[in-house]
Amino acid sequence: MASKLSPEDQARVDDYLSAPQHQVERAPFKPLRLLFMVIATVIVLGLFSRLLTYWLL
């Protein structure tokens, strides 16, 4: 896809994106870890809600 920016503006964008603060290495995405975190959160909140109903009713 061709850039709609002028060459000067594109050079500024390229300089900005090549700055060290924009070159941070990211850890790989781990979907199973996210799934376990969501499941654990749902279980904990479910247990908490049951505990609240036990205390209040």
PDB file of N, CA and C in Angstrom:
ATOM      1  N   MET A   1       0.842  -1.171   0.000  1.00  0.00           N
ATOM      2  CA  MET A   1       0.000   0.000   0.000  1.00  0.00           C
ATOM      3  C   MET A   1       0.885   1.231   0.000  1.00  0.00           C
ATOM      4  N   ALA A   2       0.638   2.123  -0.855  1.00  0.00           N
ATOM      5  CA  ALA A   2       1.431   3.338  -0.971  1.00  0.00           C
ATOM      6  C   ALA A   2       1.075   4.307   0.154  1.00  0.00           C
ATOM      7  N   SER A   3       2.089   5.005   0.617  1.00  0.00           N
ATOM      8  CA  SER A   3       1.877   5.977   1.682  1.00  0.00           C
ATOM      9  C   SER A   3       1.249   7.247   1.112  1.00  0.00           C
ATOM     10  N   LYS A   4       0.347   7.840   1.887  1.00  0.00           N
ATOM     11  CA  LYS A   4      -0.283   9.091   1.465  1.00  0.00           C
ATOM     12  C   LYS A   4       0.484  10.287   2.008  1.00  0.00           C
ATOM     13  N   LEU A   5       1.575  10.027   2.731  1.00  0.00           N
ATOM     14  CA  LEU A   5       2.363  11.106   3.305  1.00  0.00           C
ATOM     15  C   LEU A   5       3.385  11.615   2.305  1.00  0.00           C
ATOM     16  N   SER A   6       3.764  12.845   2.517  1.00  0.00           N
ATOM     17  CA  SER A   6       4.854  13.381   1.691  1.00  0.00           C
ATOM     18  C   SER A   6       6.154  12.697   2.134  1.00  0.00           C
ATOM     19  N   PRO A   7       7.168  12.686   1.304  1.00  0.00           N
ATOM     20  CA  PRO A   7       8.434  12.037   1.691  1.00  0.00           C
ATOM     21  C   PRO A   7       9.032  12.608   2.982  1.00  0.00           C
ATOM     22  N   GLU A   8       8.888  13.911   3.200  1.00  0.00           N
ATOM     23  CA  GLU A   8       9.426  14.510   4.431  1.00  0.00           C
ATOM     24  C   GLU A   8       8.659  14.011   5.660  1.00  0.00           C
ATOM     25  N   ASP A   9       7.336  13.974   5.538  1.00  0.00           N
ATOM     26  CA  ASP A   9       6.521  13.486   6.660  1.00  0.00           C
ATOM     27  C   ASP A   9       6.787  12.003   6.916  1.00  0.00           C
ATOM     28  N   GLN A  10       6.926  11.225   5.858  1.00  0.00           N
ATOM     29  CA  GLN A  10       7.210   9.798   6.023  1.00  0.00           C
ATOM     30  C   GLN A  10       8.565   9.595   6.697  1.00  0.00           C
ATOM     31  N   ALA A  11       9.540  10.436   6.372  1.00  0.00           N
ATOM     32  CA  ALA A  11      10.854  10.353   7.018  1.00  0.00           C
ATOM     33  C   ALA A  11      10.739  10.666   8.502  1.00  0.00           C
ATOM     34  N   ARG A  12       9.909  11.657   8.857  1.00  0.00           N
ATOM     35  CA  ARG A  12       9.695  11.973  10.272  1.00  0.00           C
ATOM     36  C   ARG A  12       9.025  10.821  11.006  1.00  0.00           C
ATOM     37  N   VAL A  13       8.046  10.203  10.371  1.00  0.00           N
ATOM     38  CA  VAL A  13       7.366   9.055  10.985  1.00  0.00           C
ATOM     39  C   VAL A  13       8.350   7.905  11.168  1.00  0.00           C
ATOM     40  N   ASP A  14       9.161   7.641  10.165  1.00  0.00           N
ATOM     41  CA  ASP A  14      10.147   6.565  10.270  1.00  0.00           C
ATOM     42  C   ASP A  14      11.157   6.841  11.373  1.00  0.00           C
ATOM     43  N   ASP A  15      11.609   8.088  11.508  1.00  0.00           N
ATOM     44  CA  ASP A  15      12.531   8.446  12.588  1.00  0.00           C
ATOM     45  C   ASP A  15      11.876   8.242  13.952  1.00  0.00           C
ATOM     46  N   TYR A  16      10.619   8.636  14.050  1.00  0.00           N
ATOM     47  CA  TYR A  16       9.892   8.487  15.319  1.00  0.00           C
ATOM     48  C   TYR A  16       9.767   7.012  15.699  1.00  0.00           C
ATOM     49  N   LEU A  17       9.399   6.185  14.734  1.00  0.00           N
ATOM     50  CA  LEU A  17       9.187   4.766  15.032  1.00  0.00           C
ATOM     51  C   LEU A  17      10.487   4.013  15.255  1.00  0.00           C
ATOM     52  N   SER A  18      11.595   4.530  14.771  1.00  0.00           N
ATOM     53  CA  SER A  18      12.873   3.838  14.975  1.00  0.00           C
ATOM     54  C   SER A  18      13.555   4.268  16.271  1.00  0.00           C
ATOM     55  N   ALA A  19      12.938   5.157  17.040  1.00  0.00           N
ATOM     56  CA  ALA A  19      13.503   5.589  18.322  1.00  0.00           C
ATOM     57  C   ALA A  19      13.539   4.398  19.282  1.00  0.00           C
ATOM     58  N   PRO A  20      14.496   4.382  20.212  1.00  0.00           N
ATOM     59  CA  PRO A  20      14.651   3.231  21.121  1.00  0.00           C
ATOM     60  C   PRO A  20      13.419   2.930  21.968  1.00  0.00           C
ATOM     61  N   GLN A  21      12.672   3.946  22.373  1.00  0.00           N
ATOM     62  CA  GLN A  21      11.505   3.678  23.223  1.00  0.00           C
ATOM     63  C   GLN A  21      10.386   2.960  22.480  1.00  0.00           C
ATOM     64  N   HIS A  22      10.470   2.888  21.152  1.00  0.00           N
ATOM     65  CA  HIS A  22       9.461   2.186  20.370  1.00  0.00           C
ATOM     66  C   HIS A  22       9.949   0.822  19.896  1.00  0.00           C
ATOM     67  N   GLN A  23      11.075   0.371  20.419  1.00  0.00           N
ATOM     68  CA  GLN A  23      11.666  -0.901  20.005  1.00  0.00           C
ATOM     69  C   GLN A  23      11.681  -1.899  21.159  1.00  0.00           C
ATOM     70  N   VAL A  24      10.679  -1.883  22.005  1.00  0.00           N
ATOM     71  CA  VAL A  24      10.619  -2.752  23.180  1.00  0.00           C
ATOM     72  C   VAL A  24      10.261  -4.167  22.744  1.00  0.00           C
ATOM     73  N   GLU A  25      11.039  -5.134  23.227  1.00  0.00           N
ATOM     74  CA  GLU A  25      10.737  -6.535  22.945  1.00  0.00           C
ATOM     75  C   GLU A  25       9.538  -6.964  23.779  1.00  0.00           C
ATOM     76  N   ARG A  26       8.624  -7.673  23.169  1.00  0.00           N
ATOM     77  CA  ARG A  26       7.437  -8.134  23.875  1.00  0.00           C
ATOM     78  C   ARG A  26       7.515  -9.640  24.054  1.00  0.00           C
ATOM     79  N   ALA A  27       6.983 -10.094  25.166  1.00  0.00           N
ATOM     80  CA  ALA A  27       6.916 -11.533  25.411  1.00  0.00           C
ATOM     81  C   ALA A  27       5.875 -12.138  24.475  1.00  0.00           C
ATOM     82  N   PRO A  28       6.059 -13.387  24.083  1.00  0.00           N
ATOM     83  CA  PRO A  28       5.071 -14.013  23.205  1.00  0.00           C
ATOM     84  C   PRO A  28       3.720 -14.177  23.914  1.00  0.00           C
ATOM     85  N   PHE A  29       2.671 -14.080  23.141  1.00  0.00           N
ATOM     86  CA  PHE A  29       1.322 -14.216  23.676  1.00  0.00           C
ATOM     87  C   PHE A  29       1.070 -15.670  24.043  1.00  0.00           C
ATOM     88  N   LYS A  30       0.537 -15.901  25.231  1.00  0.00           N
ATOM     89  CA  LYS A  30       0.266 -17.256  25.722  1.00  0.00           C
ATOM     90  C   LYS A  30      -1.227 -17.395  25.985  1.00  0.00           C
ATOM     91  N   PRO A  31      -1.974 -17.921  25.014  1.00  0.00           N
ATOM     92  CA  PRO A  31      -3.429 -17.991  25.180  1.00  0.00           C
ATOM     93  C   PRO A  31      -3.874 -18.926  26.305  1.00  0.00           C
ATOM     94  N   LEU A  32      -3.147 -20.006  26.551  1.00  0.00           N
ATOM     95  CA  LEU A  32      -3.558 -20.911  27.631  1.00  0.00           C
ATOM     96  C   LEU A  32      -3.420 -20.242  28.989  1.00  0.00           C
ATOM     97  N   ARG A  33      -2.389 -19.453  29.160  1.00  0.00           N
ATOM     98  CA  ARG A  33      -2.219 -18.728  30.414  1.00  0.00           C
ATOM     99  C   ARG A  33      -3.381 -17.757  30.629  1.00  0.00           C
ATOM    100  N   LEU A  34      -3.774 -17.067  29.583  1.00  0.00           N
ATOM    101  CA  LEU A  34      -4.916 -16.157  29.667  1.00  0.00           C
ATOM    102  C   LEU A  34      -6.193 -16.929  30.000  1.00  0.00           C
ATOM    103  N   LEU A  35      -6.388 -18.075  29.368  1.00  0.00           N
ATOM    104  CA  LEU A  35      -7.571 -18.895  29.633  1.00  0.00           C
ATOM    105  C   LEU A  35      -7.618 -19.325  31.096  1.00  0.00           C
ATOM    106  N   PHE A  36      -6.484 -19.782  31.630  1.00  0.00           N
ATOM    107  CA  PHE A  36      -6.445 -20.205  33.035  1.00  0.00           C
ATOM    108  C   PHE A  36      -6.693 -19.028  33.976  1.00  0.00           C
ATOM    109  N   MET A  37      -6.184 -17.862  33.625  1.00  0.00           N
ATOM    110  CA  MET A  37      -6.429 -16.687  34.459  1.00  0.00           C
ATOM    111  C   MET A  37      -7.912 -16.319  34.461  1.00  0.00           C
ATOM    112  N   VAL A  38      -8.558 -16.407  33.316  1.00  0.00           N
ATOM    113  CA  VAL A  38      -9.994 -16.092  33.234  1.00  0.00           C
ATOM    114  C   VAL A  38     -10.798 -17.115  34.021  1.00  0.00           C
ATOM    115  N   ILE A  39     -10.464 -18.387  33.872  1.00  0.00           N
ATOM    116  CA  ILE A  39     -11.174 -19.441  34.606  1.00  0.00           C
ATOM    117  C   ILE A  39     -10.991 -19.266  36.108  1.00  0.00           C
ATOM    118  N   ALA A  40      -9.758 -18.977  36.536  1.00  0.00           N
ATOM    119  CA  ALA A  40      -9.498 -18.786  37.961  1.00  0.00           C
ATOM    120  C   ALA A  40     -10.268 -17.580  38.495  1.00  0.00           C
ATOM    121  N   THR A  41     -10.337 -16.520  37.726  1.00  0.00           N
ATOM    122  CA  THR A  41     -11.079 -15.334  38.150  1.00  0.00           C
ATOM    123  C   THR A  41     -12.564 -15.637  38.292  1.00  0.00           C
ATOM    124  N   VAL A  42     -13.123 -16.369  37.350  1.00  0.00           N
ATOM    125  CA  VAL A  42     -14.537 -16.728  37.409  1.00  0.00           C
ATOM    126  C   VAL A  42     -14.811 -17.618  38.619  1.00  0.00           C
ATOM    127  N   ILE A  43     -13.922 -18.563  38.886  1.00  0.00           N
ATOM    128  CA  ILE A  43     -14.106 -19.452  40.041  1.00  0.00           C
ATOM    129  C   ILE A  43     -14.035 -18.657  41.340  1.00  0.00           C
ATOM    130  N   VAL A  44     -13.036 -17.790  41.466  1.00  0.00           N
ATOM    131  CA  VAL A  44     -12.886 -17.004  42.699  1.00  0.00           C
ATOM    132  C   VAL A  44     -14.087 -16.090  42.904  1.00  0.00           C
ATOM    133  N   LEU A  45     -14.533 -15.421  41.851  1.00  0.00           N
ATOM    134  CA  LEU A  45     -15.701 -14.547  41.997  1.00  0.00           C
ATOM    135  C   LEU A  45     -16.968 -15.347  42.304  1.00  0.00           C
ATOM    136  N   GLY A  46     -17.094 -16.539  41.739  1.00  0.00           N
ATOM    137  CA  GLY A  46     -18.239 -17.385  42.035  1.00  0.00           C
ATOM    138  C   GLY A  46     -18.245 -17.836  43.485  1.00  0.00           C
ATOM    139  N   LEU A  47     -17.066 -18.229  43.980  1.00  0.00           N
ATOM    140  CA  LEU A  47     -16.973 -18.625  45.388  1.00  0.00           C
ATOM    141  C   LEU A  47     -17.252 -17.439  46.313  1.00  0.00           C
ATOM    142  N   PHE A  48     -16.768 -16.277  45.928  1.00  0.00           N
ATOM    143  CA  PHE A  48     -17.019 -15.078  46.727  1.00  0.00           C
ATOM    144  C   PHE A  48     -18.509 -14.751  46.766  1.00  0.00           C
ATOM    145  N   SER A  49     -19.183 -14.899  45.633  1.00  0.00           N
ATOM    146  CA  SER A  49     -20.622 -14.605  45.620  1.00  0.00           C
ATOM    147  C   SER A  49     -21.391 -15.613  46.464  1.00  0.00           C
ATOM    148  N   ARG A  50     -20.983 -16.870  46.438  1.00  0.00           N
ATOM    149  CA  ARG A  50     -21.645 -17.868  47.290  1.00  0.00           C
ATOM    150  C   ARG A  50     -21.408 -17.573  48.769  1.00  0.00           C
ATOM    151  N   LEU A  51     -20.198 -17.134  49.082  1.00  0.00           N
ATOM    152  CA  LEU A  51     -19.881 -16.774  50.467  1.00  0.00           C
ATOM    153  C   LEU A  51     -20.720 -15.582  50.913  1.00  0.00           C
ATOM    154  N   LEU A  52     -20.880 -14.604  50.034  1.00  0.00           N
ATOM    155  CA  LEU A  52     -21.716 -13.458  50.386  1.00  0.00           C
ATOM    156  C   LEU A  52     -23.165 -13.863  50.617  1.00  0.00           C
ATOM    157  N   THR A  53     -23.698 -14.734  49.759  1.00  0.00           N
ATOM    158  CA  THR A  53     -25.091 -15.155  49.960  1.00  0.00           C
ATOM    159  C   THR A  53     -25.234 -15.957  51.244  1.00  0.00           C
ATOM    160  N   TYR A  54     -24.222 -16.734  51.620  1.00  0.00           N
ATOM    161  CA  TYR A  54     -24.263 -17.482  52.851  1.00  0.00           C
ATOM    162  C   TYR A  54     -24.286 -16.535  54.054  1.00  0.00           C
ATOM    163  N   TRP A  55     -23.500 -15.469  53.977  1.00  0.00           N
ATOM    164  CA  TRP A  55     -23.429 -14.518  55.071  1.00  0.00           C
ATOM    165  C   TRP A  55     -24.697 -13.662  55.162  1.00  0.00           C
ATOM    166  N   LEU A  56     -25.261 -13.289  54.025  1.00  0.00           N
ATOM    167  CA  LEU A  56     -26.340 -12.312  54.032  1.00  0.00           C
ATOM    168  C   LEU A  56     -27.728 -12.925  54.047  1.00  0.00           C
ATOM    169  N   LEU A  57     -27.876 -14.175  53.670  1.00  0.00           N
ATOM    170  CA  LEU A  57     -29.230 -14.780  53.625  1.00  0.00           C
ATOM    171  C   LEU A  57     -29.420 -15.801  54.711  1.00  0.00           C
TER     172      LEU A  57
END
